[in-house]
Amino acid sequence: MKIRELARLIEGMVEGNDDIEIKGLSGIEKAKSGDLTFAIDEDKLAGAEKSAASCILTNTTTRKSSKALIRVTNPKLSFLIIYNTFNAPKDRGSFIHPMATVSDSAHVGKTVWIGPNVSIEEGVNIGDHVIIESNSVVKKNCEIGSFCHIYPNVTLYENTKLQKNVTLHSGAVIGSDGFGYVKDKGKIYKFPQLGKVIIEDDVEIGSNTTIDRGSLSDTVIGAGTKIDNLCQIAHNVRIGKNALIAAQCGISGSTVIGDNVTMGGQAGIVDNVTIGDNVTIGAKSAVIGSVKSDEIVWGVPARPIAQTKRQMAVLSWLTKNFRKEGGRLGKG
């Protein structure tokens, strides 16, 4: 695409020759002639000018350049849009590998690609343009919406529902029994797990993440949510739209999470609490109670971030200014 065509795509403003053909995208270090790269500050712009890149995507405030520029308000987002345009997924066509097992009662839509050793059980409904890669298992009565991509070694337990354009990375397990037990007279009894998992449109689930089905109600992952690798989502959890959940987070049963929530890596939330909309939870935090909308919390236990920072400052001051004398604290 020519520079002027890319600029129209991202609603950018061109400075310089807009007739240059752009054939690919690259970081500054590896950029070659015909590539578009991006620079978000003066130092990066200087580096991009020394590269072989033919065009630089930048913001509205950087200086002029000897190279062609496309100016936008959000260069990273615009770079992503151009990348997705250049790398739009190609249809693999209709294919069922001879080593796959597909039940006669399963419904398989148009242009579905099913790899080797995949198992599709009774009553499964697969939409159009779905990819299911090798060794994945789709158990009874699951629903898989159009344009879903299931990578190798994924397991969908019975009655799991994926809506449109869901991506499940390798090793994800969706719909296994929740951790629900009842103790009585020295014995432990398993509580019935009767719900299912519903994953809404445009959700992406990372490798080796597990999402348990509900016990009596359903576990629901809201549209647009992205969950990283090695996360655990327990039974009856409801996560809203456009959440970002980083690696190794754990969410206990029956917790309700609002829209646009961000969880840093290794954060944990106890059961039966409510997290409001637009909440940010810092990495390694332990959330032991409900959190109101628009708050930023951090720490163990998690508190509003300003409070946690004050506590850390006080502890740092005490460590610096006091020393132990004969079992008592004395001023240093």
C-alpha atoms as a PDB file:
ATOM      1  CA  MET A   1       0.000   0.000   0.000  1.00  0.00           C
ATOM      2  CA  LYS A   2       1.175   3.513  -0.697  1.00  0.00           C
ATOM      3  CA  ILE A   3       1.812   5.903   2.186  1.00  0.00           C
ATOM      4  CA  ARG A   4      -1.252   7.998   1.352  1.00  0.00           C
ATOM      5  CA  GLU A   5      -3.449   4.863   1.476  1.00  0.00           C
ATOM      6  CA  LEU A   6      -2.085   3.923   4.886  1.00  0.00           C
ATOM      7  CA  ALA A   7      -2.679   7.471   6.100  1.00  0.00           C
ATOM      8  CA  ARG A   8      -6.323   7.284   5.055  1.00  0.00           C
ATOM      9  CA  LEU A   9      -6.661   3.950   6.850  1.00  0.00           C
ATOM     10  CA  ILE A  10      -5.526   5.416  10.182  1.00  0.00           C
ATOM     11  CA  GLU A  11      -6.763   8.987   9.650  1.00  0.00           C
ATOM     12  CA  GLY A  12      -3.210  10.299   9.688  1.00  0.00           C
ATOM     13  CA  MET A  13      -1.518  13.321   8.115  1.00  0.00           C
ATOM     14  CA  VAL A  14       1.369  12.780   5.686  1.00  0.00           C
ATOM     15  CA  GLU A  15       4.511  14.910   5.532  1.00  0.00           C
ATOM     16  CA  GLY A  16       6.789  14.192   2.589  1.00  0.00           C
ATOM     17  CA  ASN A  17       6.402  11.859  -0.393  1.00  0.00           C
ATOM     18  CA  ASP A  18       3.078  10.033  -0.060  1.00  0.00           C
ATOM     19  CA  ASP A  19       3.574   7.930  -3.213  1.00  0.00           C
ATOM     20  CA  ILE A  20       6.105   5.481  -1.719  1.00  0.00           C
ATOM     21  CA  GLU A  21       4.973   1.845  -1.656  1.00  0.00           C
ATOM     22  CA  ILE A  22       5.063   0.291   1.827  1.00  0.00           C
ATOM     23  CA  LYS A  23       5.573  -3.471   1.756  1.00  0.00           C
ATOM     24  CA  GLY A  24       6.029  -4.307   5.426  1.00  0.00           C
ATOM     25  CA  LEU A  25       6.380  -3.138   9.029  1.00  0.00           C
ATOM     26  CA  SER A  26       9.408  -3.353  11.264  1.00  0.00           C
ATOM     27  CA  GLY A  27      11.089  -2.100  14.395  1.00  0.00           C
ATOM     28  CA  ILE A  28      13.726   0.580  13.950  1.00  0.00           C
ATOM     29  CA  GLU A  29      16.724  -1.761  14.297  1.00  0.00           C
ATOM     30  CA  LYS A  30      15.636  -4.135  11.523  1.00  0.00           C
ATOM     31  CA  ALA A  31      13.857  -1.708   9.214  1.00  0.00           C
ATOM     32  CA  LYS A  32      14.657  -1.947   5.497  1.00  0.00           C
ATOM     33  CA  SER A  33      13.660  -0.044   2.400  1.00  0.00           C
ATOM     34  CA  GLY A  34       9.914  -0.310   1.869  1.00  0.00           C
ATOM     35  CA  ASP A  35       9.196  -0.714   5.589  1.00  0.00           C
ATOM     36  CA  LEU A  36       7.114   1.433   7.908  1.00  0.00           C
ATOM     37  CA  THR A  37       8.426   1.881  11.432  1.00  0.00           C
ATOM     38  CA  PHE A  38       7.245   4.044  14.314  1.00  0.00           C
ATOM     39  CA  ALA A  39       8.853   6.519  16.684  1.00  0.00           C
ATOM     40  CA  ILE A  40       7.103   8.095  19.648  1.00  0.00           C
ATOM     41  CA  ASP A  41       9.783  10.548  20.820  1.00  0.00           C
ATOM     42  CA  GLU A  42      12.716  12.580  19.487  1.00  0.00           C
ATOM     43  CA  ASP A  43      15.352   9.944  20.291  1.00  0.00           C
ATOM     44  CA  LYS A  44      13.393   7.203  18.518  1.00  0.00           C
ATOM     45  CA  LEU A  45      12.789   9.543  15.585  1.00  0.00           C
ATOM     46  CA  ALA A  46      16.529  10.170  15.247  1.00  0.00           C
ATOM     47  CA  GLY A  47      17.142   6.413  15.230  1.00  0.00           C
ATOM     48  CA  ALA A  48      14.419   5.830  12.642  1.00  0.00           C
ATOM     49  CA  GLU A  49      15.941   8.484  10.395  1.00  0.00           C
ATOM     50  CA  LYS A  50      19.248   6.580  10.403  1.00  0.00           C
ATOM     51  CA  SER A  51      17.500   3.336   9.445  1.00  0.00           C
ATOM     52  CA  ALA A  52      16.538   2.227   5.932  1.00  0.00           C
ATOM     53  CA  ALA A  53      12.812   2.609   6.691  1.00  0.00           C
ATOM     54  CA  SER A  54      10.826   4.405   3.978  1.00  0.00           C
ATOM     55  CA  CYS A  55       8.239   5.940   6.307  1.00  0.00           C
ATOM     56  CA  ILE A  56       7.962   6.759  10.002  1.00  0.00           C
ATOM     57  CA  LEU A  57       4.717   6.675  11.966  1.00  0.00           C
ATOM     58  CA  THR A  58       4.898   9.293  14.703  1.00  0.00           C
ATOM     59  CA  ASN A  59       2.811  11.582  16.887  1.00  0.00           C
ATOM     60  CA  THR A  60       1.662  15.136  16.228  1.00  0.00           C
ATOM     61  CA  THR A  61       4.395  16.886  18.220  1.00  0.00           C
ATOM     62  CA  THR A  62       7.724  15.495  16.965  1.00  0.00           C
ATOM     63  CA  ARG A  63       9.888  17.665  14.697  1.00  0.00           C
ATOM     64  CA  LYS A  64       9.925  17.511  10.922  1.00  0.00           C
ATOM     65  CA  SER A  65      12.039  14.848   9.243  1.00  0.00           C
ATOM     66  CA  SER A  66      13.888  14.175   6.023  1.00  0.00           C
ATOM     67  CA  LYS A  67      11.917  10.927   5.754  1.00  0.00           C
ATOM     68  CA  ALA A  68       8.224  10.651   4.972  1.00  0.00           C
ATOM     69  CA  LEU A  69       6.089  10.848   8.126  1.00  0.00           C
ATOM     70  CA  ILE A  70       2.546   9.871   8.982  1.00  0.00           C
ATOM     71  CA  ARG A  71       1.391  11.833  12.019  1.00  0.00           C
ATOM     72  CA  VAL A  72      -1.340  10.413  14.282  1.00  0.00           C
ATOM     73  CA  THR A  73      -2.481  10.931  17.844  1.00  0.00           C
ATOM     74  CA  ASN A  74      -1.785   7.324  18.873  1.00  0.00           C
ATOM     75  CA  PRO A  75       1.132   5.816  16.900  1.00  0.00           C
ATOM     76  CA  LYS A  76       1.049   2.435  18.685  1.00  0.00           C
ATOM     77  CA  LEU A  77      -2.628   1.903  17.949  1.00  0.00           C
ATOM     78  CA  SER A  78      -2.197   3.050  14.359  1.00  0.00           C
ATOM     79  CA  PHE A  79       0.789   0.709  13.914  1.00  0.00           C
ATOM     80  CA  LEU A  80      -1.398  -2.129  15.195  1.00  0.00           C
ATOM     81  CA  ILE A  81      -4.177  -1.282  12.744  1.00  0.00           C
ATOM     82  CA  ILE A  82      -1.713  -1.273   9.834  1.00  0.00           C
ATOM     83  CA  TYR A  83      -0.139  -4.531  11.048  1.00  0.00           C
ATOM     84  CA  ASN A  84      -3.541  -6.223  11.192  1.00  0.00           C
ATOM     85  CA  THR A  85      -4.296  -4.963   7.676  1.00  0.00           C
ATOM     86  CA  PHE A  86      -1.039  -6.389   6.323  1.00  0.00           C
ATOM     87  CA  ASN A  87      -1.465  -9.656   8.231  1.00  0.00           C
ATOM     88  CA  ALA A  88      -5.161 -10.380   7.959  1.00  0.00           C
ATOM     89  CA  PRO A  89      -5.676 -14.097   8.673  1.00  0.00           C
ATOM     90  CA  LYS A  90      -6.066 -16.207   5.575  1.00  0.00           C
ATOM     91  CA  ASP A  91      -8.792 -18.790   5.348  1.00  0.00           C
ATOM     92  CA  ARG A  92      -7.293 -22.284   5.524  1.00  0.00           C
ATOM     93  CA  GLY A  93     -10.207 -23.750   3.615  1.00  0.00           C
ATOM     94  CA  SER A  94     -12.375 -26.711   4.579  1.00  0.00           C
ATOM     95  CA  PHE A  95     -10.320 -29.588   5.935  1.00  0.00           C
ATOM     96  CA  ILE A  96     -10.742 -32.458   8.378  1.00  0.00           C
ATOM     97  CA  HIS A  97      -7.582 -34.450   8.983  1.00  0.00           C
ATOM     98  CA  PRO A  98      -8.016 -38.211   8.490  1.00  0.00           C
ATOM     99  CA  MET A  99      -6.721 -38.768  12.033  1.00  0.00           C
ATOM    100  CA  ALA A 100      -9.377 -36.495  13.549  1.00  0.00           C
ATOM    101  CA  THR A 101     -12.518 -37.965  15.117  1.00  0.00           C
ATOM    102  CA  VAL A 102     -15.730 -36.050  14.460  1.00  0.00           C
ATOM    103  CA  SER A 103     -19.057 -37.380  15.744  1.00  0.00           C
ATOM    104  CA  ASP A 104     -21.789 -37.916  13.186  1.00  0.00           C
ATOM    105  CA  SER A 105     -24.095 -35.789  15.354  1.00  0.00           C
ATOM    106  CA  ALA A 106     -21.726 -32.797  15.358  1.00  0.00           C
ATOM    107  CA  HIS A 107     -22.568 -29.856  13.104  1.00  0.00           C
ATOM    108  CA  VAL A 108     -19.547 -28.442  11.284  1.00  0.00           C
ATOM    109  CA  GLY A 109     -19.958 -25.089   9.522  1.00  0.00           C
ATOM    110  CA  LYS A 110     -18.431 -23.770   6.321  1.00  0.00           C
ATOM    111  CA  THR A 111     -14.661 -23.498   5.807  1.00  0.00           C
ATOM    112  CA  VAL A 112     -13.720 -25.236   9.068  1.00  0.00           C
ATOM    113  CA  TRP A 113     -10.174 -26.582   9.509  1.00  0.00           C
ATOM    114  CA  ILE A 114      -9.710 -29.513  11.925  1.00  0.00           C
ATOM    115  CA  GLY A 115      -6.214 -30.854  12.566  1.00  0.00           C
ATOM    116  CA  PRO A 116      -4.817 -34.307  13.421  1.00  0.00           C
ATOM    117  CA  ASN A 117      -5.942 -36.154  16.547  1.00  0.00           C
ATOM    118  CA  VAL A 118      -8.711 -33.659  17.265  1.00  0.00           C
ATOM    119  CA  SER A 119     -11.760 -35.180  18.991  1.00  0.00           C
ATOM    120  CA  ILE A 120     -15.200 -33.650  18.381  1.00  0.00           C
ATOM    121  CA  GLU A 121     -17.885 -35.384  20.461  1.00  0.00           C
ATOM    122  CA  GLU A 122     -21.670 -35.705  20.171  1.00  0.00           C
ATOM    123  CA  GLY A 123     -23.876 -32.664  19.803  1.00  0.00           C
ATOM    124  CA  VAL A 124     -21.080 -30.160  19.154  1.00  0.00           C
ATOM    125  CA  ASN A 125     -21.989 -27.156  17.013  1.00  0.00           C
ATOM    126  CA  ILE A 126     -19.103 -25.482  15.143  1.00  0.00           C
ATOM    127  CA  GLY A 127     -19.654 -22.215  13.256  1.00  0.00           C
ATOM    128  CA  ASP A 128     -18.066 -21.040  10.019  1.00  0.00           C
ATOM    129  CA  HIS A 129     -14.348 -20.287   9.506  1.00  0.00           C
ATOM    130  CA  VAL A 130     -13.226 -22.055  12.695  1.00  0.00           C
ATOM    131  CA  ILE A 131      -9.729 -23.507  13.164  1.00  0.00           C
ATOM    132  CA  ILE A 132      -9.178 -26.344  15.652  1.00  0.00           C
ATOM    133  CA  GLU A 133      -5.565 -27.466  15.801  1.00  0.00           C
ATOM    134  CA  SER A 134      -3.988 -30.809  16.651  1.00  0.00           C
ATOM    135  CA  ASN A 135      -4.798 -32.859  19.764  1.00  0.00           C
ATOM    136  CA  SER A 136      -7.590 -30.583  20.951  1.00  0.00           C
ATOM    137  CA  VAL A 137     -10.699 -32.116  22.536  1.00  0.00           C
ATOM    138  CA  VAL A 138     -14.206 -30.680  22.222  1.00  0.00           C
ATOM    139  CA  LYS A 139     -16.566 -32.621  24.449  1.00  0.00           C
ATOM    140  CA  LYS A 140     -20.310 -33.117  24.217  1.00  0.00           C
ATOM    141  CA  ASN A 141     -22.717 -30.295  23.371  1.00  0.00           C
ATOM    142  CA  CYS A 142     -20.130 -27.526  23.093  1.00  0.00           C
ATOM    143  CA  GLU A 143     -20.819 -24.511  20.880  1.00  0.00           C
ATOM    144  CA  ILE A 144     -18.026 -22.804  18.946  1.00  0.00           C
ATOM    145  CA  GLY A 145     -18.910 -19.570  17.143  1.00  0.00           C
ATOM    146  CA  SER A 146     -17.627 -18.327  13.824  1.00  0.00           C
ATOM    147  CA  PHE A 147     -13.982 -17.298  13.365  1.00  0.00           C
ATOM    148  CA  CYS A 148     -12.775 -18.956  16.579  1.00  0.00           C
ATOM    149  CA  HIS A 149      -9.199 -20.255  16.647  1.00  0.00           C
ATOM    150  CA  ILE A 150      -8.347 -23.122  18.985  1.00  0.00           C
ATOM    151  CA  TYR A 151      -4.638 -23.882  19.170  1.00  0.00           C
ATOM    152  CA  PRO A 152      -3.145 -27.350  19.881  1.00  0.00           C
ATOM    153  CA  ASN A 153      -3.870 -29.315  23.064  1.00  0.00           C
ATOM    154  CA  VAL A 154      -6.901 -27.314  24.185  1.00  0.00           C
ATOM    155  CA  THR A 155      -9.732 -29.044  26.068  1.00  0.00           C
ATOM    156  CA  LEU A 156     -13.335 -27.850  26.089  1.00  0.00           C
ATOM    157  CA  TYR A 157     -15.459 -29.725  28.628  1.00  0.00           C
ATOM    158  CA  GLU A 158     -19.150 -30.449  28.079  1.00  0.00           C
ATOM    159  CA  ASN A 159     -21.544 -27.574  27.320  1.00  0.00           C
ATOM    160  CA  THR A 160     -18.844 -24.912  26.978  1.00  0.00           C
ATOM    161  CA  LYS A 161     -19.938 -22.045  24.741  1.00  0.00           C
ATOM    162  CA  LEU A 162     -17.580 -19.876  22.710  1.00  0.00           C
ATOM    163  CA  GLN A 163     -19.144 -16.955  20.894  1.00  0.00           C
ATOM    164  CA  LYS A 164     -17.519 -15.306  17.845  1.00  0.00           C
ATOM    165  CA  ASN A 165     -13.802 -14.709  17.241  1.00  0.00           C
ATOM    166  CA  VAL A 166     -12.528 -16.364  20.424  1.00  0.00           C
ATOM    167  CA  THR A 167      -8.865 -17.408  20.575  1.00  0.00           C
ATOM    168  CA  LEU A 168      -7.734 -20.199  22.905  1.00  0.00           C
ATOM    169  CA  HIS A 169      -3.987 -20.782  23.101  1.00  0.00           C
ATOM    170  CA  SER A 170      -2.279 -24.119  23.646  1.00  0.00           C
ATOM    171  CA  GLY A 171      -3.050 -26.009  26.822  1.00  0.00           C
ATOM    172  CA  ALA A 172      -6.091 -23.975  27.870  1.00  0.00           C
ATOM    173  CA  VAL A 173      -8.721 -25.993  29.741  1.00  0.00           C
ATOM    174  CA  ILE A 174     -12.222 -24.545  29.654  1.00  0.00           C
ATOM    175  CA  GLY A 175     -15.167 -25.901  31.620  1.00  0.00           C
ATOM    176  CA  SER A 176     -13.591 -28.327  34.088  1.00  0.00           C
ATOM    177  CA  ASP A 177     -15.271 -28.814  37.475  1.00  0.00           C
ATOM    178  CA  GLY A 178     -14.935 -26.034  39.995  1.00  0.00           C
ATOM    179  CA  PHE A 179     -13.244 -26.542  43.355  1.00  0.00           C
ATOM    180  CA  GLY A 180     -16.411 -26.963  45.392  1.00  0.00           C
ATOM    181  CA  TYR A 181     -16.539 -29.340  48.382  1.00  0.00           C
ATOM    182  CA  VAL A 182     -18.497 -29.795  51.596  1.00  0.00           C
ATOM    183  CA  LYS A 183     -17.002 -31.234  54.807  1.00  0.00           C
ATOM    184  CA  ASP A 184     -19.077 -33.355  57.144  1.00  0.00           C
ATOM    185  CA  LYS A 185     -18.069 -35.805  59.889  1.00  0.00           C
ATOM    186  CA  GLY A 186     -14.534 -36.233  58.701  1.00  0.00           C
ATOM    187  CA  LYS A 187     -15.406 -36.707  55.053  1.00  0.00           C
ATOM    188  CA  ILE A 188     -15.227 -34.360  52.071  1.00  0.00           C
ATOM    189  CA  TYR A 189     -18.059 -34.390  49.547  1.00  0.00           C
ATOM    190  CA  LYS A 190     -17.950 -32.851  46.093  1.00  0.00           C
ATOM    191  CA  PHE A 191     -20.617 -30.194  45.474  1.00  0.00           C
ATOM    192  CA  PRO A 192     -22.437 -30.570  42.132  1.00  0.00           C
ATOM    193  CA  GLN A 193     -20.985 -28.548  39.263  1.00  0.00           C
ATOM    194  CA  LEU A 194     -24.022 -27.993  37.047  1.00  0.00           C
ATOM    195  CA  GLY A 195     -23.196 -24.737  35.253  1.00  0.00           C
ATOM    196  CA  LYS A 196     -21.099 -24.091  32.174  1.00  0.00           C
ATOM    197  CA  VAL A 197     -18.572 -21.603  30.802  1.00  0.00           C
ATOM    198  CA  ILE A 198     -19.675 -18.890  28.377  1.00  0.00           C
ATOM    199  CA  ILE A 199     -16.943 -16.943  26.597  1.00  0.00           C
ATOM    200  CA  GLU A 200     -18.240 -13.930  24.688  1.00  0.00           C
ATOM    201  CA  ASP A 201     -17.026 -12.334  21.438  1.00  0.00           C
ATOM    202  CA  ASP A 202     -13.392 -11.328  20.816  1.00  0.00           C
ATOM    203  CA  VAL A 203     -11.945 -12.929  23.949  1.00  0.00           C
ATOM    204  CA  GLU A 204      -8.374 -14.262  23.961  1.00  0.00           C
ATOM    205  CA  ILE A 205      -7.245 -16.851  26.516  1.00  0.00           C
ATOM    206  CA  GLY A 206      -3.543 -17.576  27.073  1.00  0.00           C
ATOM    207  CA  SER A 207      -1.690 -20.870  27.243  1.00  0.00           C
ATOM    208  CA  ASN A 208      -2.376 -23.216  30.176  1.00  0.00           C
ATOM    209  CA  THR A 209      -5.068 -20.998  31.616  1.00  0.00           C
ATOM    210  CA  THR A 210      -7.972 -22.817  33.280  1.00  0.00           C
ATOM    211  CA  ILE A 211     -11.561 -21.603  33.537  1.00  0.00           C
ATOM    212  CA  ASP A 212     -13.915 -23.693  35.676  1.00  0.00           C
ATOM    213  CA  ARG A 213     -17.583 -24.146  34.926  1.00  0.00           C
ATOM    214  CA  GLY A 214     -20.142 -22.842  37.371  1.00  0.00           C
ATOM    215  CA  SER A 215     -21.585 -24.889  40.181  1.00  0.00           C
ATOM    216  CA  LEU A 216     -25.191 -23.689  39.929  1.00  0.00           C
ATOM    217  CA  SER A 217     -24.824 -20.600  37.697  1.00  0.00           C
ATOM    218  CA  ASP A 218     -22.492 -20.075  34.727  1.00  0.00           C
ATOM    219  CA  THR A 219     -18.929 -18.772  34.585  1.00  0.00           C
ATOM    220  CA  VAL A 220     -18.909 -15.878  32.092  1.00  0.00           C
ATOM    221  CA  ILE A 221     -16.003 -14.081  30.403  1.00  0.00           C
ATOM    222  CA  GLY A 222     -17.174 -10.788  28.877  1.00  0.00           C
ATOM    223  CA  ALA A 223     -16.613  -9.602  25.327  1.00  0.00           C
ATOM    224  CA  GLY A 224     -13.190  -8.243  24.443  1.00  0.00           C
ATOM    225  CA  THR A 225     -11.471  -9.547  27.577  1.00  0.00           C
ATOM    226  CA  LYS A 226      -7.860 -10.749  27.280  1.00  0.00           C
ATOM    227  CA  ILE A 227      -6.504 -13.286  29.787  1.00  0.00           C
ATOM    228  CA  ASP A 228      -2.791 -14.121  29.851  1.00  0.00           C
ATOM    229  CA  ASN A 229      -1.043 -17.462  30.366  1.00  0.00           C
ATOM    230  CA  LEU A 230      -1.288 -19.572  33.529  1.00  0.00           C
ATOM    231  CA  CYS A 231      -4.339 -17.909  35.055  1.00  0.00           C
ATOM    232  CA  GLN A 232      -7.028 -19.641  37.139  1.00  0.00           C
ATOM    233  CA  ILE A 233     -10.664 -18.508  36.898  1.00  0.00           C
ATOM    234  CA  ALA A 234     -12.850 -20.359  39.399  1.00  0.00           C
ATOM    235  CA  HIS A 235     -16.498 -21.421  39.225  1.00  0.00           C
ATOM    236  CA  ASN A 236     -19.307 -18.858  38.936  1.00  0.00           C
ATOM    237  CA  VAL A 237     -16.887 -15.986  38.254  1.00  0.00           C
ATOM    238  CA  ARG A 238     -18.295 -13.257  36.028  1.00  0.00           C
ATOM    239  CA  ILE A 239     -15.798 -11.011  34.263  1.00  0.00           C
ATOM    240  CA  GLY A 240     -17.064  -7.964  32.387  1.00  0.00           C
ATOM    241  CA  LYS A 241     -16.071  -6.515  29.049  1.00  0.00           C
ATOM    242  CA  ASN A 242     -12.532  -5.552  27.994  1.00  0.00           C
ATOM    243  CA  ALA A 243     -10.702  -6.777  31.085  1.00  0.00           C
ATOM    244  CA  LEU A 244      -6.925  -7.288  30.940  1.00  0.00           C
ATOM    245  CA  ILE A 245      -5.692 -10.069  33.228  1.00  0.00           C
ATOM    246  CA  ALA A 246      -1.933 -10.701  33.278  1.00  0.00           C
ATOM    247  CA  ALA A 247      -0.120 -13.991  33.831  1.00  0.00           C
ATOM    248  CA  GLN A 248      -0.549 -16.128  36.956  1.00  0.00           C
ATOM    249  CA  CYS A 249      -3.580 -14.283  38.300  1.00  0.00           C
ATOM    250  CA  GLY A 250      -6.135 -16.210  40.319  1.00  0.00           C
ATOM    251  CA  ILE A 251      -9.806 -15.333  40.769  1.00  0.00           C
ATOM    252  CA  SER A 252     -11.766 -17.272  43.380  1.00  0.00           C
ATOM    253  CA  GLY A 253     -15.303 -18.539  43.051  1.00  0.00           C
ATOM    254  CA  SER A 254     -18.402 -16.371  42.612  1.00  0.00           C
ATOM    255  CA  THR A 255     -16.431 -13.131  42.287  1.00  0.00           C
ATOM    256  CA  VAL A 256     -17.952 -10.516  39.979  1.00  0.00           C
ATOM    257  CA  ILE A 257     -15.600  -8.261  38.025  1.00  0.00           C
ATOM    258  CA  GLY A 258     -16.808  -5.198  36.132  1.00  0.00           C
ATOM    259  CA  ASP A 259     -15.845  -3.762  32.760  1.00  0.00           C
ATOM    260  CA  ASN A 260     -12.378  -2.445  31.835  1.00  0.00           C
ATOM    261  CA  VAL A 261     -10.623  -3.974  34.847  1.00  0.00           C
ATOM    262  CA  THR A 262      -6.836  -4.501  34.739  1.00  0.00           C
ATOM    263  CA  MET A 263      -5.054  -7.085  36.916  1.00  0.00           C
ATOM    264  CA  GLY A 264      -1.257  -7.124  37.158  1.00  0.00           C
ATOM    265  CA  GLY A 265       0.640 -10.405  37.163  1.00  0.00           C
ATOM    266  CA  GLN A 266       0.212 -12.813  40.093  1.00  0.00           C
ATOM    267  CA  ALA A 267      -2.640 -10.816  41.622  1.00  0.00           C
ATOM    268  CA  GLY A 268      -5.294 -12.800  43.466  1.00  0.00           C
ATOM    269  CA  ILE A 269      -8.913 -12.134  44.432  1.00  0.00           C
ATOM    270  CA  VAL A 270     -10.815 -13.977  47.175  1.00  0.00           C
ATOM    271  CA  ASP A 271     -14.250 -15.465  46.609  1.00  0.00           C
ATOM    272  CA  ASN A 272     -17.629 -13.746  46.679  1.00  0.00           C
ATOM    273  CA  VAL A 273     -16.453 -10.149  46.239  1.00  0.00           C
ATOM    274  CA  THR A 274     -17.328  -7.509  43.669  1.00  0.00           C
ATOM    275  CA  ILE A 275     -14.776  -5.520  41.682  1.00  0.00           C
ATOM    276  CA  GLY A 276     -16.236  -2.392  40.072  1.00  0.00           C
ATOM    277  CA  ASP A 277     -15.678  -0.971  36.606  1.00  0.00           C
ATOM    278  CA  ASN A 278     -12.345   0.601  35.566  1.00  0.00           C
ATOM    279  CA  VAL A 279     -10.428  -0.842  38.528  1.00  0.00           C
ATOM    280  CA  THR A 280      -6.662  -1.424  38.358  1.00  0.00           C
ATOM    281  CA  ILE A 281      -5.152  -4.108  40.614  1.00  0.00           C
ATOM    282  CA  GLY A 282      -1.379  -3.958  40.984  1.00  0.00           C
ATOM    283  CA  ALA A 283       0.898  -6.945  40.452  1.00  0.00           C
ATOM    284  CA  LYS A 284       1.074  -9.531  43.277  1.00  0.00           C
ATOM    285  CA  SER A 285      -1.805  -7.875  45.123  1.00  0.00           C
ATOM    286  CA  ALA A 286      -4.121  -9.867  47.388  1.00  0.00           C
ATOM    287  CA  VAL A 287      -7.656  -8.513  47.103  1.00  0.00           C
ATOM    288  CA  ILE A 288      -9.627  -9.610  50.176  1.00  0.00           C
ATOM    289  CA  GLY A 289     -12.687  -7.391  49.840  1.00  0.00           C
ATOM    290  CA  SER A 290     -14.842  -5.632  47.289  1.00  0.00           C
ATOM    291  CA  VAL A 291     -13.374  -2.707  45.363  1.00  0.00           C
ATOM    292  CA  LYS A 292     -15.386   0.296  44.162  1.00  0.00           C
ATOM    293  CA  SER A 293     -15.318   1.457  40.553  1.00  0.00           C
ATOM    294  CA  ASP A 294     -12.405   3.597  39.300  1.00  0.00           C
ATOM    295  CA  GLU A 295     -10.043   2.669  42.156  1.00  0.00           C
ATOM    296  CA  ILE A 296      -6.392   1.635  41.898  1.00  0.00           C
ATOM    297  CA  VAL A 297      -5.407  -0.902  44.569  1.00  0.00           C
ATOM    298  CA  TRP A 298      -2.104  -2.537  45.367  1.00  0.00           C
ATOM    299  CA  GLY A 299      -0.442  -4.555  48.095  1.00  0.00           C
ATOM    300  CA  VAL A 300      -0.992  -7.462  50.472  1.00  0.00           C
ATOM    301  CA  PRO A 301      -3.731  -6.994  51.419  1.00  0.00           C
ATOM    302  CA  ALA A 302      -4.668  -4.679  48.557  1.00  0.00           C
ATOM    303  CA  ARG A 303      -5.510  -1.123  49.569  1.00  0.00           C
ATOM    304  CA  PRO A 304      -5.928   2.135  47.640  1.00  0.00           C
ATOM    305  CA  ILE A 305      -2.530   2.768  46.094  1.00  0.00           C
ATOM    306  CA  ALA A 306      -1.917   6.090  47.881  1.00  0.00           C
ATOM    307  CA  GLN A 307      -2.428   4.389  51.255  1.00  0.00           C
ATOM    308  CA  THR A 308      -0.089   1.528  50.344  1.00  0.00           C
ATOM    309  CA  LYS A 309       2.619   3.965  49.240  1.00  0.00           C
ATOM    310  CA  ARG A 310       2.338   5.920  52.513  1.00  0.00           C
ATOM    311  CA  GLN A 311       2.685   2.724  54.514  1.00  0.00           C
ATOM    312  CA  MET A 312       5.752   1.711  52.542  1.00  0.00           C
ATOM    313  CA  ALA A 313       7.278   5.153  53.050  1.00  0.00           C
ATOM    314  CA  VAL A 314       6.743   4.943  56.807  1.00  0.00           C
ATOM    315  CA  LEU A 315       8.261   1.458  56.950  1.00  0.00           C
ATOM    316  CA  SER A 316      11.251   2.655  54.939  1.00  0.00           C
ATOM    317  CA  TRP A 317      11.722   5.604  57.317  1.00  0.00           C
ATOM    318  CA  LEU A 318      11.544   3.338  60.373  1.00  0.00           C
ATOM    319  CA  THR A 319      14.085   0.948  58.891  1.00  0.00           C
ATOM    320  CA  LYS A 320      16.476   3.799  58.153  1.00  0.00           C
ATOM    321  CA  ASN A 321      16.121   5.774  61.373  1.00  0.00           C
ATOM    322  CA  PHE A 322      15.803   3.170  64.098  1.00  0.00           C
ATOM    323  CA  ARG A 323      18.066   0.344  65.208  1.00  0.00           C
ATOM    324  CA  LYS A 324      17.586  -2.472  67.699  1.00  0.00           C
ATOM    325  CA  GLU A 325      19.274  -2.098  71.128  1.00  0.00           C
ATOM    326  CA  GLY A 326      18.901  -4.792  73.769  1.00  0.00           C
ATOM    327  CA  GLY A 327      15.617  -6.005  72.368  1.00  0.00           C
ATOM    328  CA  ARG A 328      14.191  -2.458  72.173  1.00  0.00           C
ATOM    329  CA  LEU A 329      13.989  -0.039  69.280  1.00  0.00           C
ATOM    330  CA  GLY A 330      16.354   2.886  69.661  1.00  0.00           C
ATOM    331  CA  LYS A 331      16.952   5.883  67.451  1.00  0.00           C
ATOM    332  CA  GLY A 332      19.900   5.401  65.041  1.00  0.00           C
END
